[in-house]
Amino acid sequence: KTGEIYGRRKIDVEPVFGFLKANLGFTRLSVRGQERVQNEMGFALMAVNLRKLTARNAT
């Protein structure tokens, strides 16, 4: 069961963080506190989704 969870994680979650690091240069958070971190990650993930959306609409 644990192997299944880790197997899905590689497909679902980790590529997004790799994209954030490699393409957007997002390697560290610039704020402290859970609420502020959630806000900053929300903006970063929103940027990823907007890039995906524009790439999808361009073709």
N, C-alpha and C. Protein backbone atom coordinates (compact mmCIF):
# COMPACT_ATOMS: atom_id res chain seq x y z
N LYS A 1 0.83 -1.20 0.00
CA LYS A 1 0.00 0.00 0.00
C LYS A 1 0.87 1.26 0.00
N THR A 2 1.91 1.28 0.80
CA THR A 2 2.79 2.45 0.84
C THR A 2 3.47 2.67 -0.50
N GLY A 3 3.86 1.60 -1.15
CA GLY A 3 4.48 1.71 -2.46
C GLY A 3 3.55 2.33 -3.49
N GLU A 4 2.25 2.01 -3.38
CA GLU A 4 1.27 2.61 -4.29
C GLU A 4 1.19 4.12 -4.11
N ILE A 5 1.19 4.54 -2.85
CA ILE A 5 1.10 5.97 -2.55
C ILE A 5 2.31 6.70 -3.11
N TYR A 6 3.50 6.17 -2.87
CA TYR A 6 4.71 6.82 -3.39
C TYR A 6 4.76 6.77 -4.91
N GLY A 7 4.24 5.72 -5.49
CA GLY A 7 4.20 5.62 -6.95
C GLY A 7 3.31 6.69 -7.57
N ARG A 8 2.16 6.94 -6.95
CA ARG A 8 1.26 7.99 -7.45
C ARG A 8 1.85 9.37 -7.23
N ARG A 9 2.58 9.54 -6.15
CA ARG A 9 3.16 10.85 -5.83
C ARG A 9 4.09 11.32 -6.95
N LYS A 10 4.86 10.41 -7.49
CA LYS A 10 5.78 10.77 -8.57
C LYS A 10 5.04 11.28 -9.80
N ILE A 11 3.85 10.80 -10.02
CA ILE A 11 3.07 11.20 -11.19
C ILE A 11 2.29 12.47 -10.93
N ASP A 12 1.68 12.58 -9.75
CA ASP A 12 0.75 13.67 -9.47
C ASP A 12 1.42 14.94 -8.97
N VAL A 13 2.32 14.83 -8.01
CA VAL A 13 2.78 16.00 -7.27
C VAL A 13 4.16 16.48 -7.69
N GLU A 14 5.12 15.62 -7.73
CA GLU A 14 6.52 16.04 -7.88
C GLU A 14 6.83 16.77 -9.18
N PRO A 15 6.22 16.44 -10.32
CA PRO A 15 6.52 17.21 -11.53
C PRO A 15 6.17 18.69 -11.42
N VAL A 16 5.13 19.01 -10.66
CA VAL A 16 4.74 20.41 -10.49
C VAL A 16 5.83 21.17 -9.75
N PHE A 17 6.36 20.58 -8.69
CA PHE A 17 7.41 21.26 -7.94
C PHE A 17 8.71 21.33 -8.75
N GLY A 18 8.98 20.32 -9.55
CA GLY A 18 10.14 20.37 -10.43
C GLY A 18 10.01 21.49 -11.45
N PHE A 19 8.81 21.68 -11.99
CA PHE A 19 8.56 22.77 -12.94
C PHE A 19 8.75 24.12 -12.26
N LEU A 20 8.24 24.24 -11.02
CA LEU A 20 8.41 25.50 -10.28
C LEU A 20 9.89 25.83 -10.11
N LYS A 21 10.68 24.83 -9.76
CA LYS A 21 12.11 25.06 -9.53
C LYS A 21 12.86 25.34 -10.83
N ALA A 22 12.64 24.52 -11.83
CA ALA A 22 13.44 24.60 -13.05
C ALA A 22 13.05 25.77 -13.94
N ASN A 23 11.77 25.98 -14.14
CA ASN A 23 11.33 26.97 -15.11
C ASN A 23 10.98 28.32 -14.52
N LEU A 24 10.50 28.33 -13.30
CA LEU A 24 10.12 29.60 -12.68
C LEU A 24 11.13 30.08 -11.64
N GLY A 25 12.13 29.26 -11.33
CA GLY A 25 13.16 29.65 -10.37
C GLY A 25 12.64 29.78 -8.95
N PHE A 26 11.57 29.09 -8.64
CA PHE A 26 10.95 29.18 -7.32
C PHE A 26 11.54 28.09 -6.44
N THR A 27 12.59 28.44 -5.68
CA THR A 27 13.25 27.44 -4.85
C THR A 27 13.07 27.68 -3.36
N ARG A 28 12.74 28.89 -2.97
CA ARG A 28 12.55 29.20 -1.55
C ARG A 28 11.35 30.11 -1.37
N LEU A 29 10.76 30.01 -0.20
CA LEU A 29 9.66 30.90 0.14
C LEU A 29 10.24 32.15 0.79
N SER A 30 9.61 33.27 0.57
CA SER A 30 10.14 34.53 1.12
C SER A 30 9.34 35.02 2.31
N VAL A 31 8.45 34.19 2.83
CA VAL A 31 7.61 34.59 3.97
C VAL A 31 7.67 33.52 5.05
N ARG A 32 7.16 33.87 6.21
CA ARG A 32 7.04 32.92 7.32
C ARG A 32 5.60 32.87 7.78
N GLY A 33 5.23 31.76 8.35
CA GLY A 33 3.87 31.58 8.84
C GLY A 33 3.03 30.80 7.85
N GLN A 34 2.19 29.93 8.39
CA GLN A 34 1.44 29.02 7.53
C GLN A 34 0.52 29.76 6.55
N GLU A 35 -0.18 30.76 7.01
CA GLU A 35 -1.11 31.48 6.12
C GLU A 35 -0.37 32.19 5.00
N ARG A 36 0.74 32.83 5.31
CA ARG A 36 1.50 33.54 4.28
C ARG A 36 2.15 32.56 3.30
N VAL A 37 2.62 31.43 3.81
CA VAL A 37 3.21 30.41 2.94
C VAL A 37 2.14 29.87 2.00
N GLN A 38 0.94 29.62 2.52
CA GLN A 38 -0.14 29.14 1.66
C GLN A 38 -0.47 30.16 0.57
N ASN A 39 -0.46 31.43 0.92
CA ASN A 39 -0.73 32.47 -0.08
C ASN A 39 0.35 32.49 -1.15
N GLU A 40 1.61 32.43 -0.73
CA GLU A 40 2.71 32.49 -1.70
C GLU A 40 2.72 31.26 -2.61
N MET A 41 2.50 30.08 -2.02
CA MET A 41 2.44 28.86 -2.84
C MET A 41 1.23 28.91 -3.77
N GLY A 42 0.14 29.49 -3.30
CA GLY A 42 -1.03 29.63 -4.15
C GLY A 42 -0.74 30.47 -5.39
N PHE A 43 -0.02 31.57 -5.20
CA PHE A 43 0.36 32.40 -6.35
C PHE A 43 1.30 31.66 -7.29
N ALA A 44 2.26 30.93 -6.73
CA ALA A 44 3.20 30.19 -7.57
C ALA A 44 2.48 29.11 -8.37
N LEU A 45 1.58 28.38 -7.72
CA LEU A 45 0.85 27.33 -8.42
C LEU A 45 -0.14 27.91 -9.43
N MET A 46 -0.66 29.09 -9.13
CA MET A 46 -1.53 29.77 -10.09
C MET A 46 -0.74 30.14 -11.35
N ALA A 47 0.50 30.56 -11.17
CA ALA A 47 1.35 30.88 -12.32
C ALA A 47 1.59 29.64 -13.17
N VAL A 48 1.82 28.50 -12.53
CA VAL A 48 2.01 27.25 -13.27
C VAL A 48 0.76 26.91 -14.07
N ASN A 49 -0.40 27.04 -13.43
CA ASN A 49 -1.65 26.72 -14.12
C ASN A 49 -1.92 27.67 -15.27
N LEU A 50 -1.59 28.95 -15.11
CA LEU A 50 -1.78 29.90 -16.20
C LEU A 50 -0.87 29.58 -17.38
N ARG A 51 0.36 29.16 -17.10
CA ARG A 51 1.26 28.77 -18.18
C ARG A 51 0.73 27.56 -18.93
N LYS A 52 0.20 26.59 -18.18
CA LYS A 52 -0.38 25.41 -18.81
C LYS A 52 -1.58 25.80 -19.67
N LEU A 53 -2.41 26.68 -19.15
CA LEU A 53 -3.60 27.11 -19.87
C LEU A 53 -3.25 27.83 -21.16
N THR A 54 -2.29 28.74 -21.10
CA THR A 54 -1.90 29.47 -22.31
C THR A 54 -1.24 28.54 -23.32
N ALA A 55 -0.46 27.57 -22.85
CA ALA A 55 0.15 26.61 -23.77
C ALA A 55 -0.91 25.74 -24.43
N ARG A 56 -1.91 25.36 -23.69
CA ARG A 56 -2.99 24.54 -24.24
C ARG A 56 -3.81 25.32 -25.26
N ASN A 57 -4.06 26.59 -24.98
CA ASN A 57 -4.86 27.41 -25.89
C ASN A 57 -4.09 27.86 -27.12
N ALA A 58 -2.77 27.83 -27.07
CA ALA A 58 -1.95 28.28 -28.19
C ALA A 58 -1.94 27.26 -29.33
N THR A 59 -2.21 26.01 -29.01
CA THR A 59 -2.16 24.97 -30.06
C THR A 59 -3.50 24.71 -30.66
